C-alpha atoms as a PDB file:
ATOM      1  CA  MET A   1     -21.809  68.992-145.233  1.00  0.00           C
ATOM      2  CA  ILE A   2     -23.765  69.640-148.425  1.00  0.00           C
ATOM      3  CA  ILE A   3     -20.796  68.569-150.528  1.00  0.00           C
ATOM      4  CA  PHE A   4     -20.789  65.220-148.676  1.00  0.00           C
ATOM      5  CA  PHE A   5     -24.450  64.693-149.561  1.00  0.00           C
ATOM      6  CA  LYS A   6     -23.842  65.554-153.217  1.00  0.00           C
ATOM      7  CA  ILE A   7     -20.914  63.121-153.350  1.00  0.00           C
ATOM      8  CA  LEU A   8     -23.091  60.451-151.728  1.00  0.00           C
ATOM      9  CA  LEU A   9     -25.790  61.125-154.316  1.00  0.00           C
ATOM     10  CA  VAL A  10     -23.349  60.773-157.225  1.00  0.00           C
ATOM     11  CA  VAL A  11     -21.817  57.591-155.784  1.00  0.00           C
ATOM     12  CA  PHE A  12     -25.208  55.914-155.347  1.00  0.00           C
ATOM     13  CA  VAL A  13     -26.448  56.947-158.806  1.00  0.00           C
ATOM     14  CA  VAL A  14     -23.277  55.633-160.456  1.00  0.00           C
ATOM     15  CA  THR A  15     -23.462  52.432-158.393  1.00  0.00           C
ATOM     16  CA  ALA A  16     -27.104  51.829-159.328  1.00  0.00           C
ATOM     17  CA  ASN A  17     -26.361  52.367-163.013  1.00  0.00           C
ATOM     18  CA  LEU A  18     -23.336  50.084-162.836  1.00  0.00           C
ATOM     19  CA  ILE A  19     -25.401  47.342-161.185  1.00  0.00           C
ATOM     20  CA  GLY A  20     -28.110  47.847-163.814  1.00  0.00           C
ATOM     21  CA  PHE A  21     -25.478  47.541-166.549  1.00  0.00           C
ATOM     22  CA  LEU A  22     -24.118  44.331-165.021  1.00  0.00           C
ATOM     23  CA  VAL A  23     -27.639  42.913-164.826  1.00  0.00           C
ATOM     24  CA  PHE A  24     -28.110  43.787-168.499  1.00  0.00           C
ATOM     25  CA  LYS A  25     -24.792  42.195-169.502  1.00  0.00           C
ATOM     26  CA  LYS A  26     -25.670  38.992-167.633  1.00  0.00           C
ATOM     27  CA  SER A  27     -29.297  38.655-168.757  1.00  0.00           C
ATOM     28  CA  LYS A  28     -29.339  40.628-172.059  1.00  0.00           C
ATOM     29  CA  ASN A  29     -32.673  42.099-170.936  1.00  0.00           C
ATOM     30  CA  LEU A  30     -33.105  45.885-170.736  1.00  0.00           C
ATOM     31  CA  TYR A  31     -36.397  45.518-168.871  1.00  0.00           C
ATOM     32  CA  LEU A  32     -34.688  43.586-166.092  1.00  0.00           C
ATOM     33  CA  ALA A  33     -31.986  46.257-165.885  1.00  0.00           C
ATOM     34  CA  ALA A  34     -34.662  48.956-165.520  1.00  0.00           C
ATOM     35  CA  LEU A  35     -36.330  46.898-162.794  1.00  0.00           C
ATOM     36  CA  ALA A  36     -33.003  46.493-160.976  1.00  0.00           C
ATOM     37  CA  ILE A  37     -32.417  50.260-161.033  1.00  0.00           C
ATOM     38  CA  LEU A  38     -35.986  50.859-159.826  1.00  0.00           C
ATOM     39  CA  VAL A  39     -35.492  48.477-156.881  1.00  0.00           C
ATOM     40  CA  LEU A  40     -32.155  50.097-156.092  1.00  0.00           C
ATOM     41  CA  ALA A  41     -33.904  53.485-156.027  1.00  0.00           C
ATOM     42  CA  GLY A  42     -35.815  52.450-152.922  1.00  0.00           C
ATOM     43  CA  VAL A  43     -32.876  50.688-151.297  1.00  0.00           C
ATOM     44  CA  PHE A  44     -30.375  53.484-151.870  1.00  0.00           C
ATOM     45  CA  GLY A  45     -32.960  56.126-150.919  1.00  0.00           C
ATOM     46  CA  LEU A  46     -33.481  54.369-147.589  1.00  0.00           C
ATOM     47  CA  ILE A  47     -29.736  54.012-146.996  1.00  0.00           C
ATOM     48  CA  THR A  48     -29.171  57.685-147.800  1.00  0.00           C
ATOM     49  CA  SER A  49     -31.985  58.744-145.464  1.00  0.00           C
ATOM     50  CA  ILE A  50     -30.503  56.701-142.619  1.00  0.00           C
ATOM     51  CA  VAL A  51     -26.986  58.046-143.212  1.00  0.00           C
ATOM     52  CA  VAL A  52     -28.181  61.646-143.413  1.00  0.00           C
ATOM     53  CA  LEU A  53     -30.358  61.296-140.306  1.00  0.00           C
ATOM     54  CA  SER A  54     -27.480  59.776-138.341  1.00  0.00           C
ATOM     55  CA  ILE A  55     -25.133  62.595-139.357  1.00  0.00           C
ATOM     56  CA  SER A  56     -27.307  65.695-139.157  1.00  0.00           C
ATOM     57  CA  LYS A  57     -29.980  64.704-136.586  1.00  0.00           C
ATOM     58  CA  ASP A  58     -32.533  66.713-138.565  1.00  0.00           C
ATOM     59  CA  ALA A  59     -35.780  65.136-139.731  1.00  0.00           C
ATOM     60  CA  TRP A  60     -35.888  67.325-142.816  1.00  0.00           C
ATOM     61  CA  ALA A  61     -32.580  65.819-143.895  1.00  0.00           C
ATOM     62  CA  ALA A  62     -34.408  62.601-144.776  1.00  0.00           C
ATOM     63  CA  ILE A  63     -35.675  64.440-147.836  1.00  0.00           C
ATOM     64  CA  SER A  64     -32.203  64.077-149.359  1.00  0.00           C
ATOM     65  CA  GLY A  65     -32.743  60.313-149.314  1.00  0.00           C
ATOM     66  CA  LEU A  66     -36.036  60.803-151.073  1.00  0.00           C
ATOM     67  CA  ASN A  67     -34.264  63.121-153.512  1.00  0.00           C
ATOM     68  CA  LEU A  68     -31.846  60.315-154.370  1.00  0.00           C
ATOM     69  CA  ALA A  69     -34.731  57.880-154.784  1.00  0.00           C
ATOM     70  CA  LEU A  70     -36.394  60.358-157.144  1.00  0.00           C
ATOM     71  CA  PHE A  71     -33.229  60.669-159.262  1.00  0.00           C
ATOM     72  CA  LEU A  72     -32.969  56.892-159.514  1.00  0.00           C
ATOM     73  CA  PHE A  73     -36.682  56.573-160.270  1.00  0.00           C
ATOM     74  CA  TYR A  74     -36.324  58.976-163.198  1.00  0.00           C
ATOM     75  CA  ASN A  75     -33.222  57.074-164.256  1.00  0.00           C
ATOM     76  CA  SER A  76     -35.051  53.751-164.260  1.00  0.00           C
ATOM     77  CA  MET A  77     -37.950  55.274-166.205  1.00  0.00           C
ATOM     78  CA  PHE A  78     -35.437  56.521-168.791  1.00  0.00           C
ATOM     79  CA  VAL A  79     -33.949  53.017-169.085  1.00  0.00           C
ATOM     80  CA  LEU A  80     -37.458  51.549-169.405  1.00  0.00           C
ATOM     81  CA  LEU A  81     -38.340  54.047-172.140  1.00  0.00           C
ATOM     82  CA  PHE A  82     -35.079  53.198-173.898  1.00  0.00           C
ATOM     83  CA  ALA A  83     -35.932  49.472-173.667  1.00  0.00           C
ATOM     84  CA  ILE A  84     -39.373  50.088-175.181  1.00  0.00           C
ATOM     85  CA  VAL A  85     -37.895  52.094-178.058  1.00  0.00           C
ATOM     86  CA  VAL A  86     -35.243  49.435-178.745  1.00  0.00           C
ATOM     87  CA  SER A  87     -37.854  46.651-178.685  1.00  0.00           C
ATOM     88  CA  THR A  88     -40.116  48.577-181.041  1.00  0.00           C
ATOM     89  CA  ILE A  89     -37.286  49.262-183.473  1.00  0.00           C
ATOM     90  CA  LYS A  90     -36.297  45.578-183.437  1.00  0.00           C
ATOM     91  CA  LYS A  91     -39.870  44.477-184.186  1.00  0.00           C
ATOM     92  CA  ILE A  92     -40.275  47.013-186.996  1.00  0.00           C
ATOM     93  CA  LYS A  93     -36.935  46.017-188.476  1.00  0.00           C
ATOM     94  CA  LYS A  94     -37.864  42.343-188.294  1.00  0.00           C
ATOM     95  CA  PHE A  95     -41.234  43.050-189.880  1.00  0.00           C
ATOM     96  CA  PHE A  96     -39.712  44.794-192.892  1.00  0.00           C
ATOM     97  CA  GLN A  97     -37.020  42.151-193.368  1.00  0.00           C
ATOM     98  CA  GLU A  98     -39.250  39.075-193.030  1.00  0.00           C
ATOM     99  CA  PRO A  99     -42.952  40.021-193.337  1.00  0.00           C
ATOM    100  CA  GLU A 100     -44.167  36.400-193.600  1.00  0.00           C
ATOM    101  CA  GLN A 101     -42.850  35.667-190.095  1.00  0.00           C
ATOM    102  CA  TRP A 102     -45.521  37.886-188.497  1.00  0.00           C
END
């Protein structure tokens, strides 16, 4: 049973990251990709909680859905931090190449 929950966790994390990547490829905006992953954290956490509750009939099992939401929340914060670093590097690079533009 625990292996099923771990597989479900991996599938939802990979799916959220794939959707975030597709959002990035379509919009070329890392901030929007981080927002998409953050929204999917809540959605997939709720879906996982419902699936786990329907299978195990234990109220404490809903914590696995919250665990998934926490993983995806950390993931979206990592993507957001990455977007901030990339934006900062682009601005610094632009500043040193063309200082009169600023």
